[in-house]
Protein backbone atom coordinates (compact mmCIF):
# COMPACT_ATOMS: atom_id res chain seq x y z
CA MET A 1 -59.17 274.70 -16.46
CA THR A 2 -60.66 278.08 -17.78
CA LYS A 3 -61.22 279.05 -21.50
CA PRO A 4 -59.09 282.05 -20.85
CA VAL A 5 -56.33 279.90 -18.97
CA LYS A 6 -56.60 277.90 -21.88
CA VAL A 7 -55.74 280.56 -24.45
CA ILE A 8 -52.89 282.31 -22.39
CA ILE A 9 -50.88 278.84 -21.92
CA ALA A 10 -51.25 278.29 -25.85
CA LEU A 11 -49.83 281.90 -26.11
CA VAL A 12 -46.80 280.86 -24.13
CA VAL A 13 -46.31 277.36 -25.86
CA CYS A 14 -46.70 279.12 -29.01
CA LEU A 15 -44.18 281.87 -28.00
CA VAL A 16 -41.57 279.46 -27.11
CA LEU A 17 -41.68 277.41 -30.05
CA ALA A 18 -41.33 280.73 -31.91
CA ALA A 19 -38.76 281.44 -29.75
CA LEU A 20 -36.66 278.06 -29.96
CA ILE A 21 -36.94 277.97 -33.81
CA PHE A 22 -35.23 281.64 -34.10
CA PHE A 23 -32.58 280.75 -32.12
CA GLY A 24 -32.76 277.10 -33.73
CA LEU A 25 -32.13 278.80 -36.98
CA LEU A 26 -29.67 281.30 -35.64
CA GLY A 27 -27.34 277.87 -34.71
CA TYR A 28 -27.71 278.54 -31.10
CA VAL A 29 -29.66 275.08 -30.74
CA PRO A 30 -27.38 272.44 -30.84
CA GLY A 31 -30.13 269.56 -31.63
CA LEU A 32 -32.73 271.85 -33.17
CA SER A 33 -30.10 273.72 -35.17
CA ALA A 34 -28.96 270.83 -36.80
CA LEU A 35 -32.23 269.37 -38.02
CA LEU A 36 -32.81 272.90 -39.41
CA GLY A 37 -29.60 272.81 -41.01
CA ALA A 38 -28.52 275.89 -39.39
CA ASN A 39 -25.52 274.29 -38.07
CA LYS A 40 -23.63 274.20 -41.40
CA PRO A 41 -22.57 276.66 -43.42
CA ARG A 42 -24.64 277.33 -47.40
CA ASP A 43 -23.23 275.07 -50.06
CA LEU A 44 -21.60 277.61 -52.95
CA GLY A 45 -20.91 274.40 -54.73
CA VAL A 46 -17.01 275.37 -54.40
CA THR A 47 -14.40 272.55 -54.16
CA TYR A 48 -10.78 272.35 -54.40
CA THR A 49 -8.00 269.60 -54.98
CA GLU A 50 -4.37 269.31 -53.85
CA ALA A 51 -3.71 271.10 -57.41
CA ASP A 52 -5.54 274.29 -56.44
CA PHE A 53 -3.62 274.35 -53.14
CA THR A 54 -0.54 273.41 -54.90
CA ALA A 55 -1.60 276.38 -57.34
CA ALA A 56 -2.57 278.73 -54.85
CA ARG A 57 0.28 278.85 -53.01
CA GLY A 58 2.41 278.79 -55.74
CA LYS A 59 0.87 282.40 -57.16
CA SER A 60 1.36 283.58 -53.76
CA GLN A 61 4.83 283.05 -53.19
CA LEU A 62 4.91 283.41 -49.47
CA GLU A 63 7.09 281.57 -47.48
CA TYR A 64 5.42 280.22 -44.18
CA VAL A 65 7.52 280.14 -41.19
CA GLU A 66 6.00 278.60 -37.57
CA LEU A 67 6.63 280.65 -34.55
CA PRO A 68 7.27 279.06 -31.44
CA ALA A 69 4.04 277.67 -29.36
CA ASN A 70 4.30 280.28 -26.34
CA THR A 71 4.09 283.06 -28.65
CA PRO A 72 1.25 285.69 -27.24
CA ALA A 73 -1.87 286.19 -29.14
CA ALA A 74 -0.71 289.38 -30.09
CA GLU A 75 2.66 288.62 -31.75
CA SER A 76 1.16 285.03 -33.09
CA VAL A 77 1.30 286.54 -37.05
CA GLN A 78 4.10 288.44 -38.06
CA ARG A 79 4.95 289.18 -41.90
CA SER A 80 8.32 290.44 -43.41
CA GLY A 81 9.67 290.98 -46.58
CA SER A 82 8.17 292.34 -49.81
CA ARG A 83 7.86 291.49 -53.68
CA ALA A 84 5.71 292.09 -56.76
CA VAL A 85 2.61 290.04 -57.33
CA THR A 86 0.51 290.15 -59.96
CA THR A 87 -1.87 287.14 -61.01
CA SER A 88 -5.35 286.12 -60.08
CA TRP A 89 -6.82 283.14 -58.24
CA THR A 90 -9.76 281.20 -59.14
CA SER A 91 -12.75 280.23 -56.77
CA ALA A 92 -11.16 276.90 -55.66
CA GLU A 93 -7.76 278.35 -54.90
CA ALA A 94 -8.90 281.20 -52.80
CA THR A 95 -11.40 278.76 -51.06
CA SER A 96 -8.13 276.29 -50.84
CA LEU A 97 -5.86 279.07 -48.91
CA MET A 98 -8.21 280.39 -46.51
CA ASN A 99 -9.00 276.08 -45.60
CA ASP A 100 -5.67 275.59 -45.34
CA ARG A 101 -4.34 278.65 -43.13
CA PRO A 102 -1.48 277.72 -41.03
CA TRP A 103 -2.37 279.91 -37.85
CA ARG A 104 -3.78 278.47 -34.37
CA TYR A 105 -6.34 281.65 -34.03
CA TRP A 106 -7.72 281.17 -37.60
CA PRO A 107 -11.30 281.47 -36.48
CA LEU A 108 -12.77 280.30 -40.09
CA LYS A 109 -13.40 276.48 -41.66
CA ASP A 110 -15.50 274.91 -43.82
CA THR A 111 -15.27 277.73 -46.21
CA GLN A 112 -16.38 278.61 -49.88
CA LEU A 113 -15.23 281.56 -51.54
CA LYS A 114 -17.44 281.84 -54.95
CA ILE A 115 -16.44 284.55 -57.30
CA ASN A 116 -19.31 285.52 -59.51
CA ASP A 117 -19.12 286.95 -63.63
CA ASP A 118 -20.53 290.40 -62.22
CA GLY A 119 -17.56 291.24 -59.86
CA THR A 120 -19.55 290.11 -56.66
CA ALA A 121 -18.15 287.38 -54.58
CA GLU A 122 -20.08 285.11 -51.92
CA LEU A 123 -18.86 283.31 -48.79
CA ALA A 124 -19.84 281.16 -46.17
CA GLY A 125 -18.57 279.23 -43.51
CA ILE A 126 -18.02 278.37 -39.94
CA VAL A 127 -16.47 281.11 -37.44
CA VAL A 128 -15.10 279.22 -34.72
CA ARG A 129 -15.70 281.32 -31.34
CA GLU A 130 -12.53 280.61 -29.34
CA LYS A 131 -10.71 281.68 -31.73
CA LEU A 132 -11.63 285.13 -32.06
CA LYS A 133 -10.02 286.29 -28.99
CA GLY A 134 -6.52 284.91 -30.21
CA TYR A 135 -7.74 286.33 -33.66
CA ALA A 136 -9.11 289.99 -32.55
CA ALA A 137 -5.70 290.53 -30.31
CA ALA A 138 -3.26 289.87 -33.30
CA ILE A 139 -5.32 292.40 -35.71
CA GLY A 140 -5.62 294.67 -32.77
CA VAL A 141 -8.96 294.76 -31.91
CA PRO A 142 -10.24 295.70 -28.37
CA GLN A 143 -10.54 292.73 -26.57
CA ALA A 144 -13.93 294.30 -24.86
CA VAL A 145 -15.49 294.51 -28.58
CA THR A 146 -14.48 290.49 -28.91
CA ASP A 147 -15.84 289.53 -25.43
CA LYS A 148 -18.90 291.48 -26.63
CA ILE A 149 -19.29 289.79 -30.17
CA GLY A 150 -18.26 286.07 -28.87
CA GLY A 151 -20.93 286.41 -26.68
CA LEU A 152 -23.57 286.87 -29.09
CA LEU A 153 -22.61 283.82 -31.16
CA PRO A 154 -23.07 280.74 -31.23
CA ALA A 155 -19.59 278.51 -30.32
CA ASN A 156 -19.51 277.79 -34.42
CA ALA A 157 -21.51 280.06 -36.32
CA ALA A 158 -22.36 279.36 -40.20
CA PHE A 159 -22.63 282.60 -42.07
CA TYR A 160 -23.21 283.70 -45.63
CA VAL A 161 -21.83 287.05 -47.00
CA LYS A 162 -22.51 288.93 -50.61
CA ALA A 163 -20.32 291.78 -52.03
CA LYS A 164 -18.74 293.58 -54.20
CA THR A 165 -15.32 295.01 -53.25
CA SER A 166 -12.24 296.38 -55.00
CA LEU A 167 -9.15 298.04 -53.93
CA THR A 168 -7.10 300.58 -55.68
CA GLU A 169 -3.97 302.05 -54.36
CA ASN A 170 -4.04 299.86 -51.15
CA LYS A 171 -7.45 301.79 -50.25
CA VAL A 172 -11.11 300.45 -50.21
CA SER A 173 -12.25 301.78 -53.87
CA ASP A 174 -15.59 299.12 -54.10
CA PHE A 175 -17.64 298.63 -50.63
CA ASP A 176 -21.55 296.80 -51.48
CA VAL A 177 -22.45 294.11 -48.89
CA GLN A 178 -25.72 292.84 -50.40
CA SER A 179 -26.58 290.22 -48.20
CA VAL A 180 -25.27 288.88 -44.88
CA TYR A 181 -26.57 285.68 -43.46
CA LEU A 182 -26.11 284.13 -40.00
CA GLY A 183 -27.64 280.70 -39.59
CA LYS A 184 -30.52 280.99 -41.51
CA ILE A 185 -31.85 284.06 -40.23
CA ALA A 186 -31.21 287.25 -42.91
CA ILE A 187 -29.08 290.18 -40.50
CA PRO A 188 -30.19 294.09 -41.95
CA VAL A 189 -27.07 295.28 -43.99
CA GLU A 190 -27.70 298.26 -42.42
CA THR A 191 -27.07 297.23 -39.04
CA LEU A 192 -23.85 295.76 -39.32
CA LEU A 193 -22.62 298.82 -41.02
CA SER A 194 -23.63 300.52 -38.42
CA PHE A 195 -20.39 299.38 -36.49
CA ARG A 196 -17.44 302.44 -36.37
CA PRO A 197 -14.51 301.84 -34.21
CA SER A 198 -14.45 305.36 -33.07
CA PHE A 199 -17.51 304.52 -30.76
CA VAL A 200 -17.48 300.55 -29.80
CA GLU A 201 -16.63 301.46 -26.43
CA ARG A 202 -19.39 303.40 -25.99
CA ALA A 203 -21.38 301.00 -28.17
CA ILE A 204 -20.78 297.85 -25.48
CA ALA A 205 -21.60 299.96 -22.41
CA GLN A 206 -25.09 301.46 -23.94
CA GLY A 207 -25.81 298.45 -25.49
CA ILE A 208 -24.87 297.63 -29.14
CA THR A 209 -28.43 297.33 -30.74
CA GLY A 210 -30.06 300.82 -29.42
CA GLU A 211 -26.47 302.42 -30.31
CA LEU A 212 -25.80 301.30 -33.75
CA ALA A 213 -29.50 302.69 -34.95
CA LYS A 214 -28.48 306.06 -34.30
CA TYR A 215 -25.53 306.36 -36.74
CA SER A 216 -25.93 307.64 -40.11
CA GLY A 217 -22.66 307.62 -42.76
CA LYS A 218 -21.80 304.20 -41.60
CA LYS A 219 -20.10 302.85 -44.69
CA ALA A 220 -17.36 305.30 -45.38
CA ALA A 221 -16.48 304.79 -41.33
CA ILE A 222 -16.28 300.78 -42.13
CA VAL A 223 -14.16 301.78 -45.08
CA ASP A 224 -11.86 304.22 -42.87
CA PHE A 225 -11.01 301.44 -40.29
CA ILE A 226 -10.29 298.75 -42.96
CA ASN A 227 -7.80 301.34 -44.94
CA SER A 228 -6.12 301.72 -41.50
CA ARG A 229 -5.71 298.38 -41.22
CA LEU A 230 -4.54 297.26 -44.49
CA SER A 231 -1.59 300.14 -44.37
CA LYS A 232 -0.38 298.42 -41.60
CA ILE A 233 0.15 295.18 -43.27
CA THR A 234 3.77 294.63 -43.55
CA GLY A 235 4.75 294.02 -47.41
CA PHE A 236 1.21 294.46 -48.62
CA TYR A 237 0.09 297.11 -51.26
CA ALA A 238 -2.72 296.26 -54.05
CA LYS A 239 -2.07 299.01 -56.52
CA ARG A 240 -5.63 297.25 -57.99
CA ALA A 241 -7.42 293.95 -55.98
CA TYR A 242 -11.02 293.14 -57.63
CA PHE A 243 -13.23 290.05 -58.34
CA SER A 244 -14.02 289.88 -62.36
CA ASP A 245 -14.79 286.44 -64.71
CA SER A 246 -14.85 284.19 -61.71
CA GLN A 247 -11.50 285.76 -60.26
CA LEU A 248 -9.58 287.26 -58.00
CA HIS A 249 -7.17 289.46 -59.58
CA TYR A 250 -4.41 290.93 -57.72
CA ASP A 251 -1.39 293.46 -59.43
CA GLY A 252 0.60 294.92 -56.05
CA THR A 253 3.26 293.84 -53.29
CA LEU A 254 2.47 290.54 -50.62
CA SER A 255 5.12 289.86 -47.88
CA GLU A 256 7.87 287.83 -48.87
CA LYS A 257 7.12 286.15 -45.58
CA GLU A 258 4.60 284.59 -42.72
CA SER A 259 5.01 283.84 -39.36
CA THR A 260 2.41 282.07 -37.32
CA VAL A 261 1.53 280.11 -34.21
CA HIS A 262 0.58 276.52 -35.57
C-alpha cells in the first residue's frame, strides 16, 4: 500500500470517527450517545417531593378532566373557565408540574426547571419525538413543520435552554435566550431565533439552514408568534409573569378546567 493511499485511508477514518462522535454528542447514536452522556438531560440539581406537587397543584387551582381516548389530537387539550390567580412557584414545584402532565401528547420528560436569583431560568429535559405530532396539532403548528423538525431530532432528544423571559399584560415583555444545547452540542441562538412562522413553509421547501440565515428581526417575529398563541389560551391572561428570587411569580387569570386525552 502506497503512502498516499495510507494517508487517504487515515483521513477517511478520522472523518468517520469525527462524524460518529458529533452525532453521538447530539444523541443520534444510541450506544455512543449513552457512553458520551448525550442521551441524558443535564442535571440542574432540582428535585421535588409529593408535597411540592400537591402545593403546586393547589396554587394553580386547575381542575383536570380526562377526555375520551379517541378524541382527535387537535382537540386533545381543551380549557374552560377563568379565575384570578396571584401566586408563585418554586423550582421544585414548577418542575413537579412539568413532569406530571396528564396529557398523552405532552412531549417532555425527565424535566428540571431551575429558577435563578438574577431572573434567568434553566430548563433541561428530554423531547420525545413521537409525541411532537400530536402536540403540534393541538397548539396549531402546521404538520409540515412538525414532520421536518421530527426528522431532525433523535427519538429522545436531550436539551438544555437558559433564558430570561417575562410577560406583561399577556404579552412578552422580556425575551433573552442565552444558551441552547441539543445533547452535548451548543446550538447557535441566532440560528434558532431565525424561525419565523410566516415563512415556515418556504423554509421547509428551500432547506431550513440556508433559508433561515437570510433573515433579520428574528426575535421580534418569535415574540409576535408567542403573543398570538397566548391570546388563544382560554382563561389565561398574565398581567405579570416573571422569574425572580428563585421563583416563578404570576399575577393574572388561569383556566378553571383543563381536559386532556390521557
